[in-house]
Amino acid sequence: MANNNKVVPASKQALDQMKYEIAAELGLPVGQHYYAQVQAGADSEFAAELGTPMAFSNSGKDYWGHIATRDTGAVGGTITKRLIQKAEEALFSLY
């Protein structure tokens, strides 16, 4: 049985922020700002043709279903890499 309880609950917001920063660096079309731009000039029929998840973007939730597994894995891998790098920096600064 998986235990997804966070040791530090406030870390969720920091990890989400890091996730979207990395996605932007990789050029992935996710986040509410992306859907606001798409919807500004598109009606729902046109957006549906583009694969824009109107229901998700209107509800304030971000949708990652249109992103390839390889790309989402790259985001997760980069998050892990940066967290390890920060932990190493913190450890080396102690000595």
PDB file of N, CA and C in Angstrom:
ATOM      1  N   MET A   1       0.842  -1.172   0.000  1.00  0.00           N
ATOM      2  CA  MET A   1       0.000   0.000   0.000  1.00  0.00           C
ATOM      3  C   MET A   1       0.891   1.240   0.000  1.00  0.00           C
ATOM      4  N   ALA A   2       0.624   2.132  -0.929  1.00  0.00           N
ATOM      5  CA  ALA A   2       1.430   3.338  -1.066  1.00  0.00           C
ATOM      6  C   ALA A   2       1.054   4.361   0.008  1.00  0.00           C
ATOM      7  N   ASN A   3       2.057   5.045   0.491  1.00  0.00           N
ATOM      8  CA  ASN A   3       1.844   6.100   1.473  1.00  0.00           C
ATOM      9  C   ASN A   3       2.323   7.405   0.857  1.00  0.00           C
ATOM     10  N   ASN A   4       1.391   8.221   0.418  1.00  0.00           N
ATOM     11  CA  ASN A   4       1.733   9.475  -0.247  1.00  0.00           C
ATOM     12  C   ASN A   4       1.650  10.671   0.680  1.00  0.00           C
ATOM     13  N   ASN A   5       1.670  10.437   1.982  1.00  0.00           N
ATOM     14  CA  ASN A   5       1.626  11.542   2.927  1.00  0.00           C
ATOM     15  C   ASN A   5       2.952  12.294   2.905  1.00  0.00           C
ATOM     16  N   LYS A   6       2.880  13.603   2.812  1.00  0.00           N
ATOM     17  CA  LYS A   6       4.084  14.430   2.789  1.00  0.00           C
ATOM     18  C   LYS A   6       4.596  14.610   4.211  1.00  0.00           C
ATOM     19  N   VAL A   7       5.911  14.489   4.376  1.00  0.00           N
ATOM     20  CA  VAL A   7       6.528  14.740   5.675  1.00  0.00           C
ATOM     21  C   VAL A   7       6.385  16.211   6.008  1.00  0.00           C
ATOM     22  N   VAL A   8       6.573  17.062   4.989  1.00  0.00           N
ATOM     23  CA  VAL A   8       6.411  18.509   5.138  1.00  0.00           C
ATOM     24  C   VAL A   8       5.286  18.922   4.184  1.00  0.00           C
ATOM     25  N   PRO A   9       4.061  19.094   4.675  1.00  0.00           N
ATOM     26  CA  PRO A   9       2.935  19.401   3.797  1.00  0.00           C
ATOM     27  C   PRO A   9       3.128  20.661   2.946  1.00  0.00           C
ATOM     28  N   ALA A  10       3.888  21.626   3.441  1.00  0.00           N
ATOM     29  CA  ALA A  10       4.110  22.853   2.672  1.00  0.00           C
ATOM     30  C   ALA A  10       4.978  22.606   1.446  1.00  0.00           C
ATOM     31  N   SER A  11       5.591  21.439   1.350  1.00  0.00           N
ATOM     32  CA  SER A  11       6.452  21.142   0.207  1.00  0.00           C
ATOM     33  C   SER A  11       5.649  20.966  -1.081  1.00  0.00           C
ATOM     34  N   LYS A  12       4.377  20.647  -0.983  1.00  0.00           N
ATOM     35  CA  LYS A  12       3.554  20.447  -2.181  1.00  0.00           C
ATOM     36  C   LYS A  12       3.549  21.685  -3.053  1.00  0.00           C
ATOM     37  N   GLN A  13       3.384  22.846  -2.467  1.00  0.00           N
ATOM     38  CA  GLN A  13       3.353  24.081  -3.242  1.00  0.00           C
ATOM     39  C   GLN A  13       4.709  24.340  -3.905  1.00  0.00           C
ATOM     40  N   ALA A  14       5.785  24.111  -3.182  1.00  0.00           N
ATOM     41  CA  ALA A  14       7.123  24.317  -3.737  1.00  0.00           C
ATOM     42  C   ALA A  14       7.398  23.340  -4.882  1.00  0.00           C
ATOM     43  N   LEU A  15       6.977  22.083  -4.717  1.00  0.00           N
ATOM     44  CA  LEU A  15       7.177  21.098  -5.776  1.00  0.00           C
ATOM     45  C   LEU A  15       6.331  21.406  -7.007  1.00  0.00           C
ATOM     46  N   ASP A  16       5.099  21.871  -6.789  1.00  0.00           N
ATOM     47  CA  ASP A  16       4.257  22.269  -7.922  1.00  0.00           C
ATOM     48  C   ASP A  16       4.884  23.428  -8.684  1.00  0.00           C
ATOM     49  N   GLN A  17       5.398  24.402  -7.957  1.00  0.00           N
ATOM     50  CA  GLN A  17       6.041  25.540  -8.598  1.00  0.00           C
ATOM     51  C   GLN A  17       7.244  25.074  -9.416  1.00  0.00           C
ATOM     52  N   MET A  18       8.048  24.195  -8.840  1.00  0.00           N
ATOM     53  CA  MET A  18       9.211  23.663  -9.546  1.00  0.00           C
ATOM     54  C   MET A  18       8.778  22.890 -10.787  1.00  0.00           C
ATOM     55  N   LYS A  19       7.689  22.131 -10.667  1.00  0.00           N
ATOM     56  CA  LYS A  19       7.176  21.342 -11.789  1.00  0.00           C
ATOM     57  C   LYS A  19       6.830  22.239 -12.971  1.00  0.00           C
ATOM     58  N   TYR A  20       6.129  23.336 -12.713  1.00  0.00           N
ATOM     59  CA  TYR A  20       5.729  24.219 -13.803  1.00  0.00           C
ATOM     60  C   TYR A  20       6.899  25.035 -14.344  1.00  0.00           C
ATOM     61  N   GLU A  21       7.862  25.379 -13.505  1.00  0.00           N
ATOM     62  CA  GLU A  21       9.060  26.062 -13.984  1.00  0.00           C
ATOM     63  C   GLU A  21       9.830  25.163 -14.946  1.00  0.00           C
ATOM     64  N   ILE A  22       9.990  23.908 -14.572  1.00  0.00           N
ATOM     65  CA  ILE A  22      10.723  22.961 -15.414  1.00  0.00           C
ATOM     66  C   ILE A  22       9.951  22.688 -16.704  1.00  0.00           C
ATOM     67  N   ALA A  23       8.645  22.541 -16.606  1.00  0.00           N
ATOM     68  CA  ALA A  23       7.834  22.326 -17.803  1.00  0.00           C
ATOM     69  C   ALA A  23       7.983  23.506 -18.766  1.00  0.00           C
ATOM     70  N   ALA A  24       8.014  24.719 -18.235  1.00  0.00           N
ATOM     71  CA  ALA A  24       8.203  25.903 -19.080  1.00  0.00           C
ATOM     72  C   ALA A  24       9.589  25.895 -19.718  1.00  0.00           C
ATOM     73  N   GLU A  25      10.603  25.509 -18.949  1.00  0.00           N
ATOM     74  CA  GLU A  25      11.961  25.430 -19.493  1.00  0.00           C
ATOM     75  C   GLU A  25      12.052  24.406 -20.617  1.00  0.00           C
ATOM     76  N   LEU A  26      11.303  23.306 -20.490  1.00  0.00           N
ATOM     77  CA  LEU A  26      11.304  22.271 -21.514  1.00  0.00           C
ATOM     78  C   LEU A  26      10.364  22.599 -22.669  1.00  0.00           C
ATOM     79  N   GLY A  27       9.616  23.693 -22.551  1.00  0.00           N
ATOM     80  CA  GLY A  27       8.713  24.118 -23.616  1.00  0.00           C
ATOM     81  C   GLY A  27       7.429  23.316 -23.690  1.00  0.00           C
ATOM     82  N   LEU A  28       6.981  22.770 -22.569  1.00  0.00           N
ATOM     83  CA  LEU A  28       5.758  21.975 -22.552  1.00  0.00           C
ATOM     84  C   LEU A  28       4.539  22.864 -22.346  1.00  0.00           C
ATOM     85  N   PRO A  29       3.474  22.638 -23.116  1.00  0.00           N
ATOM     86  CA  PRO A  29       2.274  23.470 -23.024  1.00  0.00           C
ATOM     87  C   PRO A  29       1.357  23.056 -21.881  1.00  0.00           C
ATOM     88  N   VAL A  30       1.709  23.425 -20.661  1.00  0.00           N
ATOM     89  CA  VAL A  30       0.875  23.127 -19.501  1.00  0.00           C
ATOM     90  C   VAL A  30       0.750  24.377 -18.647  1.00  0.00           C
ATOM     91  N   GLY A  31      -0.211  24.362 -17.755  1.00  0.00           N
ATOM     92  CA  GLY A  31      -0.403  25.484 -16.841  1.00  0.00           C
ATOM     93  C   GLY A  31      -1.579  26.333 -17.257  1.00  0.00           C
ATOM     94  N   GLN A  32      -2.130  27.034 -16.308  1.00  0.00           N
ATOM     95  CA  GLN A  32      -3.312  27.847 -16.565  1.00  0.00           C
ATOM     96  C   GLN A  32      -3.024  28.991 -17.523  1.00  0.00           C
ATOM     97  N   HIS A  33      -1.812  29.545 -17.476  1.00  0.00           N
ATOM     98  CA  HIS A  33      -1.483  30.638 -18.384  1.00  0.00           C
ATOM     99  C   HIS A  33      -1.519  30.174 -19.836  1.00  0.00           C
ATOM    100  N   TYR A  34      -1.131  28.937 -20.100  1.00  0.00           N
ATOM    101  CA  TYR A  34      -1.165  28.396 -21.455  1.00  0.00           C
ATOM    102  C   TYR A  34      -2.603  28.312 -21.958  1.00  0.00           C
ATOM    103  N   TYR A  35      -3.501  27.768 -21.143  1.00  0.00           N
ATOM    104  CA  TYR A  35      -4.886  27.616 -21.566  1.00  0.00           C
ATOM    105  C   TYR A  35      -5.605  28.944 -21.672  1.00  0.00           C
ATOM    106  N   ALA A  36      -5.209  29.912 -20.881  1.00  0.00           N
ATOM    107  CA  ALA A  36      -5.807  31.242 -21.006  1.00  0.00           C
ATOM    108  C   ALA A  36      -5.466  31.831 -22.363  1.00  0.00           C
ATOM    109  N   GLN A  37      -4.239  31.612 -22.833  1.00  0.00           N
ATOM    110  CA  GLN A  37      -3.831  32.111 -24.145  1.00  0.00           C
ATOM    111  C   GLN A  37      -4.571  31.392 -25.259  1.00  0.00           C
ATOM    112  N   VAL A  38      -4.721  30.071 -25.126  1.00  0.00           N
ATOM    113  CA  VAL A  38      -5.403  29.287 -26.157  1.00  0.00           C
ATOM    114  C   VAL A  38      -6.868  29.678 -26.238  1.00  0.00           C
ATOM    115  N   GLN A  39      -7.511  29.842 -25.077  1.00  0.00           N
ATOM    116  CA  GLN A  39      -8.943  30.126 -25.060  1.00  0.00           C
ATOM    117  C   GLN A  39      -9.251  31.567 -25.450  1.00  0.00           C
ATOM    118  N   ALA A  40      -8.304  32.446 -25.332  1.00  0.00           N
ATOM    119  CA  ALA A  40      -8.568  33.851 -25.646  1.00  0.00           C
ATOM    120  C   ALA A  40      -9.013  34.024 -27.088  1.00  0.00           C
ATOM    121  N   GLY A  41      -8.471  33.222 -27.990  1.00  0.00           N
ATOM    122  CA  GLY A  41      -8.825  33.376 -29.390  1.00  0.00           C
ATOM    123  C   GLY A  41      -9.543  32.192 -29.984  1.00  0.00           C
ATOM    124  N   ALA A  42     -10.022  31.268 -29.186  1.00  0.00           N
ATOM    125  CA  ALA A  42     -10.634  30.059 -29.731  1.00  0.00           C
ATOM    126  C   ALA A  42     -11.968  29.782 -29.071  1.00  0.00           C
ATOM    127  N   ASP A  43     -12.929  29.351 -29.907  1.00  0.00           N
ATOM    128  CA  ASP A  43     -14.185  28.901 -29.321  1.00  0.00           C
ATOM    129  C   ASP A  43     -14.029  27.439 -28.911  1.00  0.00           C
ATOM    130  N   SER A  44     -15.027  26.877 -28.260  1.00  0.00           N
ATOM    131  CA  SER A  44     -14.887  25.532 -27.709  1.00  0.00           C
ATOM    132  C   SER A  44     -14.762  24.474 -28.800  1.00  0.00           C
ATOM    133  N   GLU A  45     -15.418  24.667 -29.945  1.00  0.00           N
ATOM    134  CA  GLU A  45     -15.327  23.678 -31.014  1.00  0.00           C
ATOM    135  C   GLU A  45     -13.909  23.645 -31.582  1.00  0.00           C
ATOM    136  N   PHE A  46     -13.343  24.811 -31.819  1.00  0.00           N
ATOM    137  CA  PHE A  46     -11.981  24.891 -32.348  1.00  0.00           C
ATOM    138  C   PHE A  46     -10.983  24.351 -31.335  1.00  0.00           C
ATOM    139  N   ALA A  47     -11.176  24.678 -30.077  1.00  0.00           N
ATOM    140  CA  ALA A  47     -10.276  24.193 -29.032  1.00  0.00           C
ATOM    141  C   ALA A  47     -10.361  22.682 -28.907  1.00  0.00           C
ATOM    142  N   ALA A  48     -11.556  22.115 -29.093  1.00  0.00           N
ATOM    143  CA  ALA A  48     -11.706  20.666 -29.033  1.00  0.00           C
ATOM    144  C   ALA A  48     -10.929  20.003 -30.158  1.00  0.00           C
ATOM    145  N   GLU A  49     -10.908  20.641 -31.346  1.00  0.00           N
ATOM    146  CA  GLU A  49     -10.126  20.105 -32.463  1.00  0.00           C
ATOM    147  C   GLU A  49      -8.639  20.124 -32.139  1.00  0.00           C
ATOM    148  N   LEU A  50      -8.199  21.105 -31.389  1.00  0.00           N
ATOM    149  CA  LEU A  50      -6.793  21.197 -31.017  1.00  0.00           C
ATOM    150  C   LEU A  50      -6.437  20.269 -29.872  1.00  0.00           C
ATOM    151  N   GLY A  51      -7.465  19.706 -29.243  1.00  0.00           N
ATOM    152  CA  GLY A  51      -7.204  18.821 -28.108  1.00  0.00           C
ATOM    153  C   GLY A  51      -7.112  19.574 -26.802  1.00  0.00           C
ATOM    154  N   THR A  52      -7.587  20.799 -26.772  1.00  0.00           N
ATOM    155  CA  THR A  52      -7.540  21.588 -25.553  1.00  0.00           C
ATOM    156  C   THR A  52      -8.636  21.127 -24.614  1.00  0.00           C
ATOM    157  N   PRO A  53      -8.298  20.705 -23.426  1.00  0.00           N
ATOM    158  CA  PRO A  53      -9.301  20.217 -22.474  1.00  0.00           C
ATOM    159  C   PRO A  53     -10.047  21.372 -21.821  1.00  0.00           C
ATOM    160  N   MET A  54     -11.108  21.823 -22.458  1.00  0.00           N
ATOM    161  CA  MET A  54     -11.848  22.989 -21.988  1.00  0.00           C
ATOM    162  C   MET A  54     -12.394  22.786 -20.574  1.00  0.00           C
ATOM    163  N   ALA A  55     -12.901  21.604 -20.280  1.00  0.00           N
ATOM    164  CA  ALA A  55     -13.492  21.376 -18.959  1.00  0.00           C
ATOM    165  C   ALA A  55     -12.456  21.516 -17.862  1.00  0.00           C
ATOM    166  N   PHE A  56     -11.241  21.039 -18.122  1.00  0.00           N
ATOM    167  CA  PHE A  56     -10.205  21.119 -17.106  1.00  0.00           C
ATOM    168  C   PHE A  56      -9.721  22.546 -16.933  1.00  0.00           C
ATOM    169  N   SER A  57      -9.495  23.249 -18.031  1.00  0.00           N
ATOM    170  CA  SER A  57      -8.956  24.594 -17.917  1.00  0.00           C
ATOM    171  C   SER A  57      -9.981  25.554 -17.321  1.00  0.00           C
ATOM    172  N   ASN A  58     -11.284  25.332 -17.593  1.00  0.00           N
ATOM    173  CA  ASN A  58     -12.297  26.207 -17.024  1.00  0.00           C
ATOM    174  C   ASN A  58     -12.468  25.977 -15.531  1.00  0.00           C
ATOM    175  N   SER A  59     -12.176  24.781 -15.056  1.00  0.00           N
ATOM    176  CA  SER A  59     -12.369  24.481 -13.645  1.00  0.00           C
ATOM    177  C   SER A  59     -11.192  24.938 -12.791  1.00  0.00           C
ATOM    178  N   GLY A  60     -10.138  25.467 -13.412  1.00  0.00           N
ATOM    179  CA  GLY A  60      -8.988  25.930 -12.659  1.00  0.00           C
ATOM    180  C   GLY A  60      -7.946  24.857 -12.427  1.00  0.00           C
ATOM    181  N   LYS A  61      -8.208  23.640 -12.934  1.00  0.00           N
ATOM    182  CA  LYS A  61      -7.248  22.548 -12.794  1.00  0.00           C
ATOM    183  C   LYS A  61      -6.382  22.497 -14.041  1.00  0.00           C
ATOM    184  N   ASP A  62      -5.143  22.123 -13.866  1.00  0.00           N
ATOM    185  CA  ASP A  62      -4.260  21.970 -15.007  1.00  0.00           C
ATOM    186  C   ASP A  62      -4.346  20.549 -15.522  1.00  0.00           C
ATOM    187  N   TYR A  63      -4.239  20.404 -16.825  1.00  0.00           N
ATOM    188  CA  TYR A  63      -4.395  19.117 -17.481  1.00  0.00           C
ATOM    189  C   TYR A  63      -3.068  18.720 -18.115  1.00  0.00           C
ATOM    190  N   TRP A  64      -2.608  17.522 -17.823  1.00  0.00           N
ATOM    191  CA  TRP A  64      -1.352  17.023 -18.374  1.00  0.00           C
ATOM    192  C   TRP A  64      -1.582  15.841 -19.306  1.00  0.00           C
ATOM    193  N   GLY A  65      -2.835  15.486 -19.589  1.00  0.00           N
ATOM    194  CA  GLY A  65      -3.146  14.310 -20.383  1.00  0.00           C
ATOM    195  C   GLY A  65      -2.681  14.367 -21.816  1.00  0.00           C
ATOM    196  N   HIS A  66      -2.461  15.542 -22.347  1.00  0.00           N
ATOM    197  CA  HIS A  66      -2.012  15.679 -23.728  1.00  0.00           C
ATOM    198  C   HIS A  66      -0.490  15.655 -23.856  1.00  0.00           C
ATOM    199  N   ILE A  67       0.217  15.598 -22.735  1.00  0.00           N
ATOM    200  CA  ILE A  67       1.671  15.582 -22.742  1.00  0.00           C
ATOM    201  C   ILE A  67       2.150  14.132 -22.819  1.00  0.00           C
ATOM    202  N   ALA A  68       3.150  13.876 -23.660  1.00  0.00           N
ATOM    203  CA  ALA A  68       3.682  12.524 -23.817  1.00  0.00           C
ATOM    204  C   ALA A  68       4.325  12.053 -22.514  1.00  0.00           C
ATOM    205  N   THR A  69       4.268  10.751 -22.295  1.00  0.00           N
ATOM    206  CA  THR A  69       4.842  10.158 -21.089  1.00  0.00           C
ATOM    207  C   THR A  69       6.324  10.480 -20.980  1.00  0.00           C
ATOM    208  N   ARG A  70       7.012  10.475 -22.090  1.00  0.00           N
ATOM    209  CA  ARG A  70       8.446  10.793 -22.099  1.00  0.00           C
ATOM    210  C   ARG A  70       8.678  12.201 -21.558  1.00  0.00           C
ATOM    211  N   ASP A  71       7.832  13.140 -21.950  1.00  0.00           N
ATOM    212  CA  ASP A  71       7.996  14.529 -21.505  1.00  0.00           C
ATOM    213  C   ASP A  71       7.675  14.699 -20.031  1.00  0.00           C
ATOM    214  N   THR A  72       6.610  14.042 -19.556  1.00  0.00           N
ATOM    215  CA  THR A  72       6.295  14.143 -18.126  1.00  0.00           C
ATOM    216  C   THR A  72       7.380  13.469 -17.296  1.00  0.00           C
ATOM    217  N   GLY A  73       7.951  12.388 -17.828  1.00  0.00           N
ATOM    218  CA  GLY A  73       9.060  11.737 -17.150  1.00  0.00           C
ATOM    219  C   GLY A  73      10.285  12.636 -17.093  1.00  0.00           C
ATOM    220  N   ALA A  74      10.485  13.421 -18.144  1.00  0.00           N
ATOM    221  CA  ALA A  74      11.608  14.364 -18.153  1.00  0.00           C
ATOM    222  C   ALA A  74      11.428  15.425 -17.078  1.00  0.00           C
ATOM    223  N   VAL A  75      10.185  15.858 -16.873  1.00  0.00           N
ATOM    224  CA  VAL A  75       9.916  16.842 -15.819  1.00  0.00           C
ATOM    225  C   VAL A  75      10.226  16.225 -14.455  1.00  0.00           C
ATOM    226  N   GLY A  76       9.728  15.030 -14.210  1.00  0.00           N
ATOM    227  CA  GLY A  76       9.979  14.365 -12.933  1.00  0.00           C
ATOM    228  C   GLY A  76      11.455  14.083 -12.706  1.00  0.00           C
ATOM    229  N   GLY A  77      12.137  13.654 -13.754  1.00  0.00           N
ATOM    230  CA  GLY A  77      13.565  13.390 -13.639  1.00  0.00           C
ATOM    231  C   GLY A  77      14.368  14.642 -13.347  1.00  0.00           C
ATOM    232  N   THR A  78      13.975  15.746 -13.966  1.00  0.00           N
ATOM    233  CA  THR A  78      14.666  17.013 -13.724  1.00  0.00           C
ATOM    234  C   THR A  78      14.403  17.514 -12.308  1.00  0.00           C
ATOM    235  N   ILE A  79      13.186  17.313 -11.815  1.00  0.00           N
ATOM    236  CA  ILE A  79      12.882  17.683 -10.425  1.00  0.00           C
ATOM    237  C   ILE A  79      13.793  16.898  -9.483  1.00  0.00           C
ATOM    238  N   THR A  80      13.885  15.589  -9.709  1.00  0.00           N
ATOM    239  CA  THR A  80      14.736  14.746  -8.859  1.00  0.00           C
ATOM    240  C   THR A  80      16.184  15.197  -8.925  1.00  0.00           C
ATOM    241  N   LYS A  81      16.673  15.459 -10.120  1.00  0.00           N
ATOM    242  CA  LYS A  81      18.054  15.907 -10.308  1.00  0.00           C
ATOM    243  C   LYS A  81      18.321  17.196  -9.533  1.00  0.00           C
ATOM    244  N   ARG A  82      17.397  18.146  -9.630  1.00  0.00           N
ATOM    245  CA  ARG A  82      17.592  19.431  -8.929  1.00  0.00           C
ATOM    246  C   ARG A  82      17.509  19.283  -7.415  1.00  0.00           C
ATOM    247  N   LEU A  83      16.594  18.423  -6.943  1.00  0.00           N
ATOM    248  CA  LEU A  83      16.489  18.216  -5.497  1.00  0.00           C
ATOM    249  C   LEU A  83      17.760  17.571  -4.951  1.00  0.00           C
ATOM    250  N   ILE A  84      18.316  16.623  -5.679  1.00  0.00           N
ATOM    251  CA  ILE A  84      19.568  15.991  -5.251  1.00  0.00           C
ATOM    252  C   ILE A  84      20.695  17.013  -5.268  1.00  0.00           C
ATOM    253  N   GLN A  85      20.736  17.842  -6.309  1.00  0.00           N
ATOM    254  CA  GLN A  85      21.771  18.868  -6.405  1.00  0.00           C
ATOM    255  C   GLN A  85      21.690  19.838  -5.227  1.00  0.00           C
ATOM    256  N   LYS A  86      20.469  20.245  -4.871  1.00  0.00           N
ATOM    257  CA  LYS A  86      20.301  21.161  -3.732  1.00  0.00           C
ATOM    258  C   LYS A  86      20.703  20.490  -2.418  1.00  0.00           C
ATOM    259  N   ALA A  87      20.380  19.215  -2.260  1.00  0.00           N
ATOM    260  CA  ALA A  87      20.751  18.485  -1.046  1.00  0.00           C
ATOM    261  C   ALA A  87      22.269  18.367  -0.945  1.00  0.00           C
ATOM    262  N   GLU A  88      22.923  18.084  -2.069  1.00  0.00           N
ATOM    263  CA  GLU A  88      24.393  17.998  -2.062  1.00  0.00           C
ATOM    264  C   GLU A  88      25.021  19.334  -1.715  1.00  0.00           C
ATOM    265  N   GLU A  89      24.476  20.412  -2.275  1.00  0.00           N
ATOM    266  CA  GLU A  89      24.989  21.751  -1.969  1.00  0.00           C
ATOM    267  C   GLU A  89      24.841  22.054  -0.477  1.00  0.00           C
ATOM    268  N   ALA A  90      23.701  21.661   0.083  1.00  0.00           N
ATOM    269  CA  ALA A  90      23.479  21.901   1.516  1.00  0.00           C
ATOM    270  C   ALA A  90      24.449  21.092   2.357  1.00  0.00           C
ATOM    271  N   LEU A  91      24.718  19.863   1.960  1.00  0.00           N
ATOM    272  CA  LEU A  91      25.654  19.025   2.697  1.00  0.00           C
ATOM    273  C   LEU A  91      27.081  19.562   2.596  1.00  0.00           C
ATOM    274  N   PHE A  92      27.482  19.974   1.401  1.00  0.00           N
ATOM    275  CA  PHE A  92      28.839  20.483   1.213  1.00  0.00           C
ATOM    276  C   PHE A  92      29.054  21.808   1.913  1.00  0.00           C
ATOM    277  N   SER A  93      27.986  22.568   2.093  1.00  0.00           N
ATOM    278  CA  SER A  93      28.145  23.868   2.784  1.00  0.00           C
ATOM    279  C   SER A  93      28.350  23.684   4.293  1.00  0.00           C
ATOM    280  N   LEU A  94      28.039  22.490   4.796  1.00  0.00           N
ATOM    281  CA  LEU A  94      28.239  22.209   6.231  1.00  0.00           C
ATOM    282  C   LEU A  94      29.705  21.978   6.564  1.00  0.00           C
ATOM    283  N   TYR A  95      30.483  21.576   5.580  1.00  0.00           N
ATOM    284  CA  TYR A  95      31.893  21.231   5.831  1.00  0.00           C
ATOM    285  C   TYR A  95      32.825  22.337   5.456  1.00  0.00           C
TER     286      TYR A  95
END
